[in-house]
């Protein structure tokens, strides 16, 4: 089986922000990942990536919240997107002007 791209999209949220989602199904898991998916999901505001979920080979599943890197428990591509969008909403809520 060859790698199969499942998602590749960019969604504009506002004039200042967008999300980009890329998910692949691989023939075999990456080093340090127990599942056959390669992904990167990014939330970009004012040209800076403020939130990112990814699984680099050797690093495994994790997410970046600003400068902080935290482990992430991957369940499925569907749950990955649900968790990511929940964090996007949380970030927007925490950084909105009253």
N, C-alpha and C. Protein backbone atom coordinates (compact mmCIF):
# COMPACT_ATOMS: atom_id res chain seq x y z
N UNK A 1 0.84 -1.19 0.00
CA UNK A 1 0.00 0.00 0.00
C UNK A 1 0.88 1.25 0.00
N UNK A 2 0.52 2.20 -0.81
CA UNK A 2 1.22 3.48 -0.83
C UNK A 2 0.57 4.41 0.18
N UNK A 3 1.28 5.46 0.57
CA UNK A 3 0.70 6.47 1.45
C UNK A 3 -0.51 7.09 0.76
N UNK A 4 -1.55 7.33 1.55
CA UNK A 4 -2.79 7.89 1.00
C UNK A 4 -3.14 9.17 1.77
N UNK A 5 -3.26 10.26 1.05
CA UNK A 5 -3.64 11.51 1.70
C UNK A 5 -5.13 11.49 1.99
N UNK A 6 -5.49 11.69 3.27
CA UNK A 6 -6.89 11.68 3.69
C UNK A 6 -7.48 13.09 3.72
N UNK A 7 -6.69 14.06 4.15
CA UNK A 7 -7.14 15.45 4.25
C UNK A 7 -6.00 16.37 3.84
N UNK A 8 -6.36 17.44 3.16
CA UNK A 8 -5.42 18.51 2.85
C UNK A 8 -6.25 19.74 2.60
N UNK A 9 -6.42 20.54 3.63
CA UNK A 9 -7.27 21.72 3.47
C UNK A 9 -6.75 22.90 4.29
N UNK A 10 -7.12 24.05 3.82
CA UNK A 10 -6.86 25.30 4.53
C UNK A 10 -8.19 26.02 4.63
N UNK A 11 -8.55 26.39 5.85
CA UNK A 11 -9.82 27.07 6.09
C UNK A 11 -9.52 28.43 6.71
N UNK A 12 -9.97 29.49 6.05
CA UNK A 12 -9.79 30.83 6.56
C UNK A 12 -10.81 31.07 7.66
N UNK A 13 -10.32 31.45 8.83
CA UNK A 13 -11.18 31.72 9.98
C UNK A 13 -11.56 33.20 10.01
N UNK A 14 -10.58 34.06 9.74
CA UNK A 14 -10.80 35.51 9.73
C UNK A 14 -9.73 36.14 8.84
N UNK A 15 -9.74 37.45 8.74
CA UNK A 15 -8.69 38.14 7.98
C UNK A 15 -7.31 37.85 8.54
N UNK A 16 -7.26 37.55 9.84
CA UNK A 16 -6.00 37.38 10.54
C UNK A 16 -5.61 35.92 10.78
N UNK A 17 -6.52 34.97 10.51
CA UNK A 17 -6.21 33.60 10.93
C UNK A 17 -6.76 32.54 9.97
N UNK A 18 -6.12 31.37 10.00
CA UNK A 18 -6.59 30.22 9.24
C UNK A 18 -6.13 28.95 9.93
N UNK A 19 -6.76 27.84 9.56
CA UNK A 19 -6.29 26.52 10.00
C UNK A 19 -5.87 25.75 8.75
N UNK A 20 -4.86 24.92 8.92
CA UNK A 20 -4.40 24.05 7.85
C UNK A 20 -4.34 22.64 8.40
N UNK A 21 -4.92 21.68 7.66
CA UNK A 21 -4.99 20.30 8.12
C UNK A 21 -4.47 19.39 7.01
N UNK A 22 -3.48 18.57 7.35
CA UNK A 22 -2.96 17.57 6.43
C UNK A 22 -2.84 16.26 7.20
N UNK A 23 -3.50 15.21 6.69
CA UNK A 23 -3.46 13.89 7.32
C UNK A 23 -3.22 12.83 6.24
N UNK A 24 -2.28 11.94 6.50
CA UNK A 24 -1.95 10.84 5.59
C UNK A 24 -2.13 9.51 6.32
N UNK A 25 -2.56 8.49 5.61
CA UNK A 25 -2.50 7.10 6.09
C UNK A 25 -1.27 6.49 5.45
N UNK A 26 -0.39 5.97 6.27
CA UNK A 26 0.88 5.41 5.80
C UNK A 26 0.81 3.88 5.75
N UNK A 27 1.70 3.26 4.98
CA UNK A 27 1.73 1.80 4.95
C UNK A 27 2.17 1.20 6.29
N UNK A 28 2.91 1.97 7.09
CA UNK A 28 3.39 1.52 8.40
C UNK A 28 3.52 2.74 9.30
N UNK A 29 3.43 2.54 10.61
CA UNK A 29 3.58 3.68 11.53
C UNK A 29 4.95 4.33 11.44
N UNK A 30 5.00 5.61 11.76
CA UNK A 30 6.27 6.31 11.90
C UNK A 30 6.96 5.84 13.18
N UNK A 31 8.27 6.05 13.26
CA UNK A 31 9.00 5.75 14.49
C UNK A 31 8.38 6.57 15.62
N UNK A 32 8.07 5.93 16.73
CA UNK A 32 7.49 6.54 17.94
C UNK A 32 5.99 6.79 17.85
N UNK A 33 5.33 6.35 16.80
CA UNK A 33 3.87 6.45 16.70
C UNK A 33 3.30 5.04 16.55
N UNK A 34 2.29 4.69 17.36
CA UNK A 34 1.73 3.34 17.29
C UNK A 34 0.65 3.16 16.22
N UNK A 35 0.40 4.17 15.41
CA UNK A 35 -0.68 4.14 14.41
C UNK A 35 -0.13 4.51 13.04
N UNK A 36 -0.85 4.19 11.97
CA UNK A 36 -0.34 4.44 10.61
C UNK A 36 -0.73 5.79 10.02
N UNK A 37 -0.78 6.84 10.84
CA UNK A 37 -1.16 8.16 10.34
C UNK A 37 -0.02 9.15 10.55
N UNK A 38 0.16 10.02 9.59
CA UNK A 38 1.09 11.15 9.67
C UNK A 38 0.24 12.39 9.53
N UNK A 39 0.42 13.36 10.42
CA UNK A 39 -0.46 14.53 10.39
C UNK A 39 0.24 15.80 10.86
N UNK A 40 -0.34 16.90 10.43
CA UNK A 40 0.01 18.22 10.96
C UNK A 40 -1.24 19.07 10.84
N UNK A 41 -1.63 19.65 11.94
CA UNK A 41 -2.77 20.55 11.99
C UNK A 41 -2.26 21.83 12.63
N UNK A 42 -2.47 22.95 11.96
CA UNK A 42 -1.91 24.21 12.45
C UNK A 42 -2.99 25.29 12.47
N UNK A 43 -2.91 26.12 13.49
CA UNK A 43 -3.75 27.31 13.60
C UNK A 43 -2.80 28.49 13.56
N UNK A 44 -2.96 29.33 12.56
CA UNK A 44 -2.06 30.45 12.32
C UNK A 44 -2.82 31.75 12.50
N UNK A 45 -2.24 32.64 13.32
CA UNK A 45 -2.83 33.95 13.58
C UNK A 45 -1.75 35.00 13.34
N UNK A 46 -2.07 36.00 12.54
CA UNK A 46 -1.11 37.06 12.20
C UNK A 46 0.23 36.47 11.75
N UNK A 47 0.16 35.44 10.91
CA UNK A 47 1.33 34.79 10.29
C UNK A 47 2.18 33.99 11.28
N UNK A 48 1.70 33.80 12.50
CA UNK A 48 2.44 33.00 13.49
C UNK A 48 1.62 31.76 13.84
N UNK A 49 2.27 30.62 13.87
CA UNK A 49 1.59 29.38 14.25
C UNK A 49 1.45 29.38 15.77
N UNK A 50 0.22 29.49 16.26
CA UNK A 50 -0.03 29.56 17.70
C UNK A 50 -0.44 28.22 18.29
N UNK A 51 -0.86 27.29 17.42
CA UNK A 51 -1.28 25.96 17.87
C UNK A 51 -0.98 24.98 16.75
N UNK A 52 -0.35 23.83 17.12
CA UNK A 52 -0.04 22.83 16.10
C UNK A 52 -0.08 21.44 16.73
N UNK A 53 -0.70 20.51 16.03
CA UNK A 53 -0.66 19.10 16.39
C UNK A 53 0.14 18.41 15.29
N UNK A 54 1.11 17.57 15.66
CA UNK A 54 1.85 16.83 14.65
C UNK A 54 2.52 15.62 15.27
N UNK A 55 3.08 14.78 14.42
CA UNK A 55 3.79 13.59 14.88
C UNK A 55 5.03 13.36 14.01
N UNK A 56 6.05 14.11 14.29
CA UNK A 56 7.31 13.96 13.58
C UNK A 56 7.88 12.57 13.85
N UNK A 57 8.54 12.02 12.86
CA UNK A 57 9.20 10.72 13.05
C UNK A 57 10.19 10.82 14.20
N UNK A 58 10.11 9.90 15.14
CA UNK A 58 11.02 9.89 16.28
C UNK A 58 10.50 10.67 17.48
N UNK A 59 9.57 11.60 17.28
CA UNK A 59 9.03 12.40 18.37
C UNK A 59 7.68 11.88 18.84
N UNK A 60 6.95 11.25 17.95
CA UNK A 60 5.62 10.76 18.31
C UNK A 60 4.57 11.86 18.32
N UNK A 61 3.41 11.52 18.81
CA UNK A 61 2.27 12.43 18.82
C UNK A 61 2.45 13.52 19.88
N UNK A 62 2.25 14.76 19.47
CA UNK A 62 2.37 15.88 20.41
C UNK A 62 1.65 17.10 19.84
N UNK A 63 1.50 18.11 20.69
CA UNK A 63 0.90 19.36 20.25
C UNK A 63 1.72 20.52 20.79
N UNK A 64 1.67 21.61 20.07
CA UNK A 64 2.36 22.83 20.46
C UNK A 64 1.28 23.87 20.78
N UNK A 65 1.36 24.45 21.95
CA UNK A 65 0.47 25.54 22.36
C UNK A 65 1.40 26.70 22.61
N UNK A 66 1.49 27.61 21.64
CA UNK A 66 2.49 28.67 21.73
C UNK A 66 3.87 28.03 21.71
N UNK A 67 4.72 28.37 22.68
CA UNK A 67 6.07 27.82 22.76
C UNK A 67 6.12 26.50 23.52
N UNK A 68 5.01 26.09 24.12
CA UNK A 68 4.97 24.87 24.92
C UNK A 68 4.68 23.64 24.06
N UNK A 69 5.42 22.56 24.26
CA UNK A 69 5.18 21.30 23.57
C UNK A 69 4.68 20.27 24.57
N UNK A 70 3.53 19.66 24.26
CA UNK A 70 2.88 18.72 25.18
C UNK A 70 2.59 17.41 24.46
N UNK A 71 2.61 16.28 25.19
CA UNK A 71 2.24 15.01 24.55
C UNK A 71 0.77 15.02 24.15
N UNK A 72 0.45 14.24 23.14
CA UNK A 72 -0.93 14.10 22.69
C UNK A 72 -1.22 12.61 22.51
N UNK A 73 -2.37 12.16 22.98
CA UNK A 73 -2.77 10.76 22.81
C UNK A 73 -3.67 10.65 21.59
N UNK A 74 -3.14 10.08 20.53
CA UNK A 74 -3.88 9.91 19.28
C UNK A 74 -4.85 8.74 19.43
N UNK A 75 -6.13 8.97 19.06
CA UNK A 75 -7.15 7.92 19.09
C UNK A 75 -7.58 7.57 17.66
N UNK A 76 -7.91 8.61 16.87
CA UNK A 76 -8.36 8.43 15.49
C UNK A 76 -8.24 9.77 14.78
N UNK A 77 -8.26 9.77 13.44
CA UNK A 77 -8.25 11.06 12.73
C UNK A 77 -9.44 11.93 13.12
N UNK A 78 -10.61 11.33 13.30
CA UNK A 78 -11.80 12.10 13.69
C UNK A 78 -11.59 12.77 15.05
N UNK A 79 -11.08 12.03 16.03
CA UNK A 79 -10.85 12.60 17.36
C UNK A 79 -9.75 13.65 17.32
N UNK A 80 -8.73 13.43 16.50
CA UNK A 80 -7.65 14.40 16.32
C UNK A 80 -8.21 15.75 15.91
N UNK A 81 -9.10 15.75 14.90
CA UNK A 81 -9.67 17.00 14.43
C UNK A 81 -10.59 17.62 15.48
N UNK A 82 -11.35 16.81 16.18
CA UNK A 82 -12.23 17.33 17.24
C UNK A 82 -11.40 17.99 18.34
N UNK A 83 -10.31 17.35 18.75
CA UNK A 83 -9.44 17.92 19.79
C UNK A 83 -8.78 19.20 19.31
N UNK A 84 -8.32 19.19 18.07
CA UNK A 84 -7.67 20.37 17.51
C UNK A 84 -8.64 21.56 17.46
N UNK A 85 -9.83 21.34 16.92
CA UNK A 85 -10.79 22.44 16.82
C UNK A 85 -11.25 22.92 18.19
N UNK A 86 -11.31 22.03 19.18
CA UNK A 86 -11.63 22.46 20.55
C UNK A 86 -10.53 23.38 21.08
N UNK A 87 -9.26 23.06 20.78
CA UNK A 87 -8.16 23.93 21.19
C UNK A 87 -8.17 25.25 20.43
N UNK A 88 -8.54 25.23 19.15
CA UNK A 88 -8.65 26.47 18.38
C UNK A 88 -9.68 27.38 19.05
N UNK A 89 -10.83 26.83 19.39
CA UNK A 89 -11.87 27.63 20.06
C UNK A 89 -11.39 28.13 21.42
N UNK A 90 -10.69 27.27 22.16
CA UNK A 90 -10.15 27.69 23.46
C UNK A 90 -9.17 28.84 23.27
N UNK A 91 -8.27 28.72 22.30
CA UNK A 91 -7.29 29.78 22.06
C UNK A 91 -7.99 31.09 21.70
N UNK A 92 -8.99 31.00 20.81
CA UNK A 92 -9.72 32.20 20.40
C UNK A 92 -10.41 32.84 21.60
N UNK A 93 -11.01 32.03 22.46
CA UNK A 93 -11.69 32.55 23.64
C UNK A 93 -10.69 33.23 24.60
N UNK A 94 -9.55 32.59 24.82
CA UNK A 94 -8.56 33.13 25.75
C UNK A 94 -7.84 34.37 25.21
N UNK A 95 -7.84 34.55 23.90
CA UNK A 95 -7.12 35.68 23.30
C UNK A 95 -8.04 36.71 22.64
N UNK A 96 -9.32 36.62 22.92
CA UNK A 96 -10.24 37.61 22.33
C UNK A 96 -10.22 38.88 23.18
N UNK A 97 -10.47 39.96 22.52
CA UNK A 97 -10.56 41.25 23.23
C UNK A 97 -11.97 41.40 23.78
N UNK A 98 -12.07 41.74 25.09
CA UNK A 98 -13.41 41.90 25.69
C UNK A 98 -14.18 43.08 25.12
